[in-house]
């Protein structure tokens, strides 16, 4: 089963590169287990990540941007809790 990751970013804040980097990192780790959509938004300051329509990160609520370790762990915990993330799990 393929899961759907959506990354919504503020165009006015120029967060496209950040959204793209998160998408690339997640695709590198989870491969065909996820589909990624990057969604531009002009409502001001939004940076939100959802997985299968469940919010897993929101910049204002969660205090900034997730480090990649935290993001990958949240995705893993939702789609395949038994999956090892290699060196990301060893800290």
PDB file of N, CA and C in Angstrom:
ATOM      1  N   UNK A   1       0.840  -1.192   0.000  1.00  0.00           N
ATOM      2  CA  UNK A   1       0.000   0.000   0.000  1.00  0.00           C
ATOM      3  C   UNK A   1       0.879   1.248   0.000  1.00  0.00           C
ATOM      4  N   UNK A   2       0.551   2.180  -0.850  1.00  0.00           N
ATOM      5  CA  UNK A   2       1.288   3.427  -0.933  1.00  0.00           C
ATOM      6  C   UNK A   2       0.595   4.480  -0.071  1.00  0.00           C
ATOM      7  N   UNK A   3       1.384   5.186   0.709  1.00  0.00           N
ATOM      8  CA  UNK A   3       0.867   6.244   1.576  1.00  0.00           C
ATOM      9  C   UNK A   3       1.106   7.588   0.907  1.00  0.00           C
ATOM     10  N   UNK A   4       0.296   8.570   1.279  1.00  0.00           N
ATOM     11  CA  UNK A   4       0.366   9.872   0.623  1.00  0.00           C
ATOM     12  C   UNK A   4       0.865  10.934   1.604  1.00  0.00           C
ATOM     13  N   UNK A   5       2.031  11.489   1.312  1.00  0.00           N
ATOM     14  CA  UNK A   5       2.624  12.568   2.088  1.00  0.00           C
ATOM     15  C   UNK A   5       2.383  13.870   1.342  1.00  0.00           C
ATOM     16  N   UNK A   6       1.822  14.855   2.037  1.00  0.00           N
ATOM     17  CA  UNK A   6       1.627  16.179   1.449  1.00  0.00           C
ATOM     18  C   UNK A   6       2.419  17.204   2.251  1.00  0.00           C
ATOM     19  N   UNK A   7       3.157  18.029   1.529  1.00  0.00           N
ATOM     20  CA  UNK A   7       3.923  19.108   2.154  1.00  0.00           C
ATOM     21  C   UNK A   7       3.382  20.412   1.589  1.00  0.00           C
ATOM     22  N   UNK A   8       2.739  21.202   2.438  1.00  0.00           N
ATOM     23  CA  UNK A   8       2.173  22.488   2.037  1.00  0.00           C
ATOM     24  C   UNK A   8       3.094  23.583   2.557  1.00  0.00           C
ATOM     25  N   UNK A   9       3.495  24.486   1.664  1.00  0.00           N
ATOM     26  CA  UNK A   9       4.468  25.509   2.042  1.00  0.00           C
ATOM     27  C   UNK A   9       3.994  26.897   1.593  1.00  0.00           C
ATOM     28  N   UNK A  10       4.478  27.914   2.275  1.00  0.00           N
ATOM     29  CA  UNK A  10       4.150  29.309   1.965  1.00  0.00           C
ATOM     30  C   UNK A  10       5.033  29.804   0.817  1.00  0.00           C
ATOM     31  N   UNK A  11       4.381  30.253  -0.254  1.00  0.00           N
ATOM     32  CA  UNK A  11       5.135  30.780  -1.395  1.00  0.00           C
ATOM     33  C   UNK A  11       5.793  32.117  -1.059  1.00  0.00           C
ATOM     34  N   UNK A  12       5.113  32.934  -0.272  1.00  0.00           N
ATOM     35  CA  UNK A  12       5.659  34.239   0.094  1.00  0.00           C
ATOM     36  C   UNK A  12       6.891  34.144   0.962  1.00  0.00           C
ATOM     37  N   UNK A  13       7.014  33.059   1.712  1.00  0.00           N
ATOM     38  CA  UNK A  13       8.163  32.848   2.590  1.00  0.00           C
ATOM     39  C   UNK A  13       9.309  32.133   1.875  1.00  0.00           C
ATOM     40  N   UNK A  14       9.090  31.772   0.616  1.00  0.00           N
ATOM     41  CA  UNK A  14      10.108  31.094  -0.198  1.00  0.00           C
ATOM     42  C   UNK A  14      10.573  29.776   0.409  1.00  0.00           C
ATOM     43  N   UNK A  15       9.621  28.947   0.859  1.00  0.00           N
ATOM     44  CA  UNK A  15       9.959  27.677   1.478  1.00  0.00           C
ATOM     45  C   UNK A  15       9.887  26.506   0.502  1.00  0.00           C
ATOM     46  N   UNK A  16       9.857  26.775  -0.801  1.00  0.00           N
ATOM     47  CA  UNK A  16       9.815  25.708  -1.790  1.00  0.00           C
ATOM     48  C   UNK A  16      11.030  24.789  -1.695  1.00  0.00           C
ATOM     49  N   UNK A  17      12.216  25.341  -1.574  1.00  0.00           N
ATOM     50  CA  UNK A  17      13.420  24.505  -1.509  1.00  0.00           C
ATOM     51  C   UNK A  17      13.397  23.596  -0.283  1.00  0.00           C
ATOM     52  N   UNK A  18      12.923  24.105   0.840  1.00  0.00           N
ATOM     53  CA  UNK A  18      12.811  23.306   2.055  1.00  0.00           C
ATOM     54  C   UNK A  18      11.813  22.164   1.839  1.00  0.00           C
ATOM     55  N   UNK A  19      10.651  22.487   1.248  1.00  0.00           N
ATOM     56  CA  UNK A  19       9.633  21.476   0.976  1.00  0.00           C
ATOM     57  C   UNK A  19      10.189  20.409   0.031  1.00  0.00           C
ATOM     58  N   UNK A  20      10.910  20.846  -0.994  1.00  0.00           N
ATOM     59  CA  UNK A  20      11.500  19.915  -1.949  1.00  0.00           C
ATOM     60  C   UNK A  20      12.546  19.021  -1.318  1.00  0.00           C
ATOM     61  N   UNK A  21      13.337  19.583  -0.416  1.00  0.00           N
ATOM     62  CA  UNK A  21      14.364  18.796   0.261  1.00  0.00           C
ATOM     63  C   UNK A  21      13.724  17.720   1.142  1.00  0.00           C
ATOM     64  N   UNK A  22      12.682  18.112   1.903  1.00  0.00           N
ATOM     65  CA  UNK A  22      11.973  17.120   2.725  1.00  0.00           C
ATOM     66  C   UNK A  22      11.401  16.013   1.837  1.00  0.00           C
ATOM     67  N   UNK A  23      10.806  16.390   0.720  1.00  0.00           N
ATOM     68  CA  UNK A  23      10.226  15.405  -0.196  1.00  0.00           C
ATOM     69  C   UNK A  23      11.306  14.446  -0.697  1.00  0.00           C
ATOM     70  N   UNK A  24      12.435  14.982  -1.111  1.00  0.00           N
ATOM     71  CA  UNK A  24      13.543  14.162  -1.613  1.00  0.00           C
ATOM     72  C   UNK A  24      14.050  13.203  -0.543  1.00  0.00           C
ATOM     73  N   UNK A  25      14.245  13.686   0.650  1.00  0.00           N
ATOM     74  CA  UNK A  25      14.729  12.848   1.747  1.00  0.00           C
ATOM     75  C   UNK A  25      13.753  11.716   2.065  1.00  0.00           C
ATOM     76  N   UNK A  26      12.465  12.043   2.083  1.00  0.00           N
ATOM     77  CA  UNK A  26      11.453  11.030   2.399  1.00  0.00           C
ATOM     78  C   UNK A  26      11.345   9.989   1.291  1.00  0.00           C
ATOM     79  N   UNK A  27      11.419  10.428   0.052  1.00  0.00           N
ATOM     80  CA  UNK A  27      11.395   9.478  -1.064  1.00  0.00           C
ATOM     81  C   UNK A  27      12.639   8.589  -1.055  1.00  0.00           C
ATOM     82  N   UNK A  28      13.775   9.145  -0.694  1.00  0.00           N
ATOM     83  CA  UNK A  28      15.002   8.354  -0.617  1.00  0.00           C
ATOM     84  C   UNK A  28      14.903   7.271   0.448  1.00  0.00           C
ATOM     85  N   UNK A  29      14.237   7.571   1.538  1.00  0.00           N
ATOM     86  CA  UNK A  29      14.116   6.620   2.643  1.00  0.00           C
ATOM     87  C   UNK A  29      12.984   5.621   2.439  1.00  0.00           C
ATOM     88  N   UNK A  30      11.818   6.094   1.983  1.00  0.00           N
ATOM     89  CA  UNK A  30      10.630   5.243   1.942  1.00  0.00           C
ATOM     90  C   UNK A  30      10.282   4.733   0.548  1.00  0.00           C
ATOM     91  N   UNK A  31      10.958   5.230  -0.472  1.00  0.00           N
ATOM     92  CA  UNK A  31      10.787   4.727  -1.834  1.00  0.00           C
ATOM     93  C   UNK A  31       9.344   4.673  -2.289  1.00  0.00           C
ATOM     94  N   UNK A  32       8.943   3.531  -2.793  1.00  0.00           N
ATOM     95  CA  UNK A  32       7.599   3.391  -3.361  1.00  0.00           C
ATOM     96  C   UNK A  32       6.511   3.205  -2.296  1.00  0.00           C
ATOM     97  N   UNK A  33       6.887   3.204  -1.025  1.00  0.00           N
ATOM     98  CA  UNK A  33       5.889   3.105   0.039  1.00  0.00           C
ATOM     99  C   UNK A  33       5.125   4.413   0.236  1.00  0.00           C
ATOM    100  N   UNK A  34       5.649   5.517  -0.325  1.00  0.00           N
ATOM    101  CA  UNK A  34       4.941   6.798  -0.209  1.00  0.00           C
ATOM    102  C   UNK A  34       4.878   7.500  -1.565  1.00  0.00           C
ATOM    103  N   UNK A  35       3.850   8.314  -1.705  1.00  0.00           N
ATOM    104  CA  UNK A  35       3.750   9.277  -2.799  1.00  0.00           C
ATOM    105  C   UNK A  35       3.836  10.643  -2.140  1.00  0.00           C
ATOM    106  N   UNK A  36       4.496  11.583  -2.777  1.00  0.00           N
ATOM    107  CA  UNK A  36       4.682  12.905  -2.183  1.00  0.00           C
ATOM    108  C   UNK A  36       4.099  13.973  -3.099  1.00  0.00           C
ATOM    109  N   UNK A  37       3.339  14.871  -2.503  1.00  0.00           N
ATOM    110  CA  UNK A  37       2.804  16.029  -3.212  1.00  0.00           C
ATOM    111  C   UNK A  37       3.274  17.282  -2.488  1.00  0.00           C
ATOM    112  N   UNK A  38       3.791  18.230  -3.247  1.00  0.00           N
ATOM    113  CA  UNK A  38       4.192  19.524  -2.694  1.00  0.00           C
ATOM    114  C   UNK A  38       3.145  20.546  -3.127  1.00  0.00           C
ATOM    115  N   UNK A  39       2.576  21.250  -2.148  1.00  0.00           N
ATOM    116  CA  UNK A  39       1.452  22.142  -2.412  1.00  0.00           C
ATOM    117  C   UNK A  39       1.825  23.579  -2.056  1.00  0.00           C
ATOM    118  N   UNK A  40       1.859  24.486  -3.034  1.00  0.00           N
ATOM    119  CA  UNK A  40       2.113  25.896  -2.740  1.00  0.00           C
ATOM    120  C   UNK A  40       0.887  26.535  -2.105  1.00  0.00           C
ATOM    121  N   UNK A  41       1.119  27.463  -1.189  1.00  0.00           N
ATOM    122  CA  UNK A  41       0.040  28.152  -0.488  1.00  0.00           C
ATOM    123  C   UNK A  41       0.462  29.602  -0.282  1.00  0.00           C
ATOM    124  N   UNK A  42      -0.454  30.520  -0.507  1.00  0.00           N
ATOM    125  CA  UNK A  42      -0.100  31.940  -0.347  1.00  0.00           C
ATOM    126  C   UNK A  42      -0.826  32.598   0.818  1.00  0.00           C
ATOM    127  N   UNK A  43      -1.290  31.805   1.788  1.00  0.00           N
ATOM    128  CA  UNK A  43      -2.037  32.381   2.904  1.00  0.00           C
ATOM    129  C   UNK A  43      -1.146  32.949   4.000  1.00  0.00           C
ATOM    130  N   UNK A  44       0.166  32.749   3.901  1.00  0.00           N
ATOM    131  CA  UNK A  44       1.092  33.389   4.826  1.00  0.00           C
ATOM    132  C   UNK A  44       1.588  32.505   5.953  1.00  0.00           C
ATOM    133  N   UNK A  45       2.827  32.103   5.864  1.00  0.00           N
ATOM    134  CA  UNK A  45       3.500  31.414   6.953  1.00  0.00           C
ATOM    135  C   UNK A  45       3.194  29.946   7.130  1.00  0.00           C
ATOM    136  N   UNK A  46       2.425  29.371   6.234  1.00  0.00           N
ATOM    137  CA  UNK A  46       2.054  27.963   6.415  1.00  0.00           C
ATOM    138  C   UNK A  46       3.194  27.017   6.013  1.00  0.00           C
ATOM    139  N   UNK A  47       3.426  26.028   6.839  1.00  0.00           N
ATOM    140  CA  UNK A  47       4.283  24.902   6.489  1.00  0.00           C
ATOM    141  C   UNK A  47       3.723  23.714   7.255  1.00  0.00           C
ATOM    142  N   UNK A  48       3.051  22.847   6.512  1.00  0.00           N
ATOM    143  CA  UNK A  48       2.309  21.744   7.118  1.00  0.00           C
ATOM    144  C   UNK A  48       2.633  20.451   6.374  1.00  0.00           C
ATOM    145  N   UNK A  49       2.788  19.379   7.139  1.00  0.00           N
ATOM    146  CA  UNK A  49       3.054  18.074   6.553  1.00  0.00           C
ATOM    147  C   UNK A  49       1.974  17.119   7.042  1.00  0.00           C
ATOM    148  N   UNK A  50       1.322  16.470   6.084  1.00  0.00           N
ATOM    149  CA  UNK A  50       0.307  15.476   6.429  1.00  0.00           C
ATOM    150  C   UNK A  50       0.670  14.145   5.784  1.00  0.00           C
ATOM    151  N   UNK A  51       0.285  13.087   6.444  1.00  0.00           N
ATOM    152  CA  UNK A  51       0.480  11.741   5.935  1.00  0.00           C
ATOM    153  C   UNK A  51      -0.859  11.038   5.986  1.00  0.00           C
ATOM    154  N   UNK A  52      -1.357  10.634   4.827  1.00  0.00           N
ATOM    155  CA  UNK A  52      -2.672   9.996   4.726  1.00  0.00           C
ATOM    156  C   UNK A  52      -3.743  10.849   5.403  1.00  0.00           C
ATOM    157  N   UNK A  53      -3.686  12.144   5.159  1.00  0.00           N
ATOM    158  CA  UNK A  53      -4.632  13.150   5.639  1.00  0.00           C
ATOM    159  C   UNK A  53      -4.571  13.382   7.147  1.00  0.00           C
ATOM    160  N   UNK A  54      -3.539  12.877   7.811  1.00  0.00           N
ATOM    161  CA  UNK A  54      -3.326  13.133   9.230  1.00  0.00           C
ATOM    162  C   UNK A  54      -2.133  14.068   9.364  1.00  0.00           C
ATOM    163  N   UNK A  55      -2.326  15.191  10.023  1.00  0.00           N
ATOM    164  CA  UNK A  55      -1.235  16.153  10.187  1.00  0.00           C
ATOM    165  C   UNK A  55      -0.169  15.564  11.097  1.00  0.00           C
ATOM    166  N   UNK A  56       1.079  15.566  10.605  1.00  0.00           N
ATOM    167  CA  UNK A  56       2.180  15.075  11.423  1.00  0.00           C
ATOM    168  C   UNK A  56       3.158  16.193  11.796  1.00  0.00           C
ATOM    169  N   UNK A  57       3.015  17.351  11.148  1.00  0.00           N
ATOM    170  CA  UNK A  57       3.843  18.521  11.526  1.00  0.00           C
ATOM    171  C   UNK A  57       3.158  19.784  11.042  1.00  0.00           C
ATOM    172  N   UNK A  58       3.191  20.819  11.878  1.00  0.00           N
ATOM    173  CA  UNK A  58       2.685  22.140  11.499  1.00  0.00           C
ATOM    174  C   UNK A  58       3.613  23.164  12.130  1.00  0.00           C
ATOM    175  N   UNK A  59       4.206  23.994  11.313  1.00  0.00           N
ATOM    176  CA  UNK A  59       5.265  24.908  11.749  1.00  0.00           C
ATOM    177  C   UNK A  59       4.881  25.746  12.964  1.00  0.00           C
ATOM    178  N   UNK A  60       3.728  26.356  12.952  1.00  0.00           N
ATOM    179  CA  UNK A  60       3.336  27.231  14.061  1.00  0.00           C
ATOM    180  C   UNK A  60       3.047  26.438  15.332  1.00  0.00           C
ATOM    181  N   UNK A  61       2.335  25.343  15.190  1.00  0.00           N
ATOM    182  CA  UNK A  61       1.962  24.515  16.344  1.00  0.00           C
ATOM    183  C   UNK A  61       3.165  23.797  16.941  1.00  0.00           C
ATOM    184  N   UNK A  62       4.034  23.270  16.068  1.00  0.00           N
ATOM    185  CA  UNK A  62       5.148  22.448  16.531  1.00  0.00           C
ATOM    186  C   UNK A  62       6.443  23.227  16.731  1.00  0.00           C
ATOM    187  N   UNK A  63       6.425  24.519  16.484  1.00  0.00           N
ATOM    188  CA  UNK A  63       7.584  25.345  16.782  1.00  0.00           C
ATOM    189  C   UNK A  63       8.703  25.279  15.758  1.00  0.00           C
ATOM    190  N   UNK A  64       8.416  25.662  14.527  1.00  0.00           N
ATOM    191  CA  UNK A  64       9.448  25.701  13.496  1.00  0.00           C
ATOM    192  C   UNK A  64       9.353  24.518  12.557  1.00  0.00           C
ATOM    193  N   UNK A  65      10.490  24.104  12.070  1.00  0.00           N
ATOM    194  CA  UNK A  65      10.563  23.033  11.089  1.00  0.00           C
ATOM    195  C   UNK A  65      11.131  21.780  11.743  1.00  0.00           C
ATOM    196  N   UNK A  66      10.670  20.604  11.308  1.00  0.00           N
ATOM    197  CA  UNK A  66      11.214  19.386  11.910  1.00  0.00           C
ATOM    198  C   UNK A  66      12.618  19.092  11.398  1.00  0.00           C
ATOM    199  N   UNK A  67      13.444  18.499  12.273  1.00  0.00           N
ATOM    200  CA  UNK A  67      14.691  17.979  11.725  1.00  0.00           C
ATOM    201  C   UNK A  67      14.318  16.714  10.965  1.00  0.00           C
ATOM    202  N   UNK A  68      15.145  16.314  10.040  1.00  0.00           N
ATOM    203  CA  UNK A  68      14.792  15.212   9.152  1.00  0.00           C
ATOM    204  C   UNK A  68      14.636  13.907   9.921  1.00  0.00           C
ATOM    205  N   UNK A  69      15.388  13.735  10.980  1.00  0.00           N
ATOM    206  CA  UNK A  69      15.262  12.534  11.822  1.00  0.00           C
ATOM    207  C   UNK A  69      13.857  12.430  12.402  1.00  0.00           C
ATOM    208  N   UNK A  70      13.363  13.518  12.980  1.00  0.00           N
ATOM    209  CA  UNK A  70      12.028  13.532  13.580  1.00  0.00           C
ATOM    210  C   UNK A  70      10.956  13.259  12.533  1.00  0.00           C
ATOM    211  N   UNK A  71      11.072  13.903  11.380  1.00  0.00           N
ATOM    212  CA  UNK A  71      10.082  13.713  10.328  1.00  0.00           C
ATOM    213  C   UNK A  71      10.047  12.261   9.856  1.00  0.00           C
ATOM    214  N   UNK A  72      11.195  11.681   9.587  1.00  0.00           N
ATOM    215  CA  UNK A  72      11.240  10.301   9.114  1.00  0.00           C
ATOM    216  C   UNK A  72      10.723   9.330  10.172  1.00  0.00           C
ATOM    217  N   UNK A  73      11.008   9.598  11.431  1.00  0.00           N
ATOM    218  CA  UNK A  73      10.501   8.734  12.492  1.00  0.00           C
ATOM    219  C   UNK A  73       8.981   8.812  12.590  1.00  0.00           C
ATOM    220  N   UNK A  74       8.424  10.003  12.443  1.00  0.00           N
ATOM    221  CA  UNK A  74       6.961  10.140  12.495  1.00  0.00           C
ATOM    222  C   UNK A  74       6.296   9.421  11.328  1.00  0.00           C
ATOM    223  N   UNK A  75       6.912   9.508  10.162  1.00  0.00           N
ATOM    224  CA  UNK A  75       6.366   8.799   8.998  1.00  0.00           C
ATOM    225  C   UNK A  75       6.469   7.295   9.229  1.00  0.00           C
ATOM    226  N   UNK A  76       7.638   6.838   9.625  1.00  0.00           N
ATOM    227  CA  UNK A  76       7.852   5.409   9.886  1.00  0.00           C
ATOM    228  C   UNK A  76       6.863   4.887  10.921  1.00  0.00           C
ATOM    229  N   UNK A  77       6.688   5.626  12.016  1.00  0.00           N
ATOM    230  CA  UNK A  77       5.802   5.181  13.088  1.00  0.00           C
ATOM    231  C   UNK A  77       4.367   5.006  12.614  1.00  0.00           C
ATOM    232  N   UNK A  78       3.977   5.766  11.612  1.00  0.00           N
ATOM    233  CA  UNK A  78       2.612   5.678  11.099  1.00  0.00           C
ATOM    234  C   UNK A  78       2.457   4.603  10.021  1.00  0.00           C
ATOM    235  N   UNK A  79       3.467   4.417   9.171  1.00  0.00           N
ATOM    236  CA  UNK A  79       3.267   3.481   8.052  1.00  0.00           C
ATOM    237  C   UNK A  79       3.861   2.098   8.288  1.00  0.00           C
ATOM    238  N   UNK A  80       4.920   2.009   9.121  1.00  0.00           N
ATOM    239  CA  UNK A  80       5.579   0.723   9.327  1.00  0.00           C
ATOM    240  C   UNK A  80       6.444   0.790  10.583  1.00  0.00           C
ATOM    241  N   UNK A  81       5.821   0.683  11.779  1.00  0.00           N
ATOM    242  CA  UNK A  81       6.559   0.870  13.035  1.00  0.00           C
ATOM    243  C   UNK A  81       7.754  -0.064  13.222  1.00  0.00           C
ATOM    244  N   UNK A  82       7.772  -1.181  12.541  1.00  0.00           N
ATOM    245  CA  UNK A  82       8.869  -2.139  12.684  1.00  0.00           C
ATOM    246  C   UNK A  82      10.061  -1.818  11.787  1.00  0.00           C
ATOM    247  N   UNK A  83       9.899  -0.877  10.872  1.00  0.00           N
ATOM    248  CA  UNK A  83      10.966  -0.548   9.915  1.00  0.00           C
ATOM    249  C   UNK A  83      12.140   0.128  10.632  1.00  0.00           C
ATOM    250  N   UNK A  84      13.330  -0.329  10.321  1.00  0.00           N
ATOM    251  CA  UNK A  84      14.540   0.285  10.864  1.00  0.00           C
ATOM    252  C   UNK A  84      14.943   1.468   9.987  1.00  0.00           C
ATOM    253  N   UNK A  85      15.380   2.534  10.627  1.00  0.00           N
ATOM    254  CA  UNK A  85      15.843   3.716   9.892  1.00  0.00           C
ATOM    255  C   UNK A  85      17.362   3.852   9.968  1.00  0.00           C
ATOM    256  N   UNK A  86      18.026   2.769  10.241  1.00  0.00           N
ATOM    257  CA  UNK A  86      19.478   2.784  10.263  1.00  0.00           C
ATOM    258  C   UNK A  86      20.046   3.707  11.319  1.00  0.00           C
ATOM    259  N   UNK A  87      20.991   4.551  10.929  1.00  0.00           N
ATOM    260  CA  UNK A  87      21.666   5.430  11.870  1.00  0.00           C
ATOM    261  C   UNK A  87      20.722   6.432  12.529  1.00  0.00           C
ATOM    262  N   UNK A  88      19.566   6.718  11.931  1.00  0.00           N
ATOM    263  CA  UNK A  88      18.626   7.656  12.540  1.00  0.00           C
ATOM    264  C   UNK A  88      18.021   7.102  13.825  1.00  0.00           C
ATOM    265  N   UNK A  89      17.972   5.787  13.964  1.00  0.00           N
ATOM    266  CA  UNK A  89      17.432   5.169  15.165  1.00  0.00           C
ATOM    267  C   UNK A  89      18.469   5.027  16.272  1.00  0.00           C
ATOM    268  N   UNK A  90      19.733   5.193  15.974  1.00  0.00           N
ATOM    269  CA  UNK A  90      20.783   4.897  16.945  1.00  0.00           C
ATOM    270  C   UNK A  90      21.127   6.054  17.875  1.00  0.00           C
ATOM    271  N   UNK A  91      20.487   7.174  17.729  1.00  0.00           N
ATOM    272  CA  UNK A  91      20.804   8.336  18.593  1.00  0.00           C
ATOM    273  C   UNK A  91      20.022   8.294  19.863  1.00  0.00           C
TER     274      UNK A  91
END
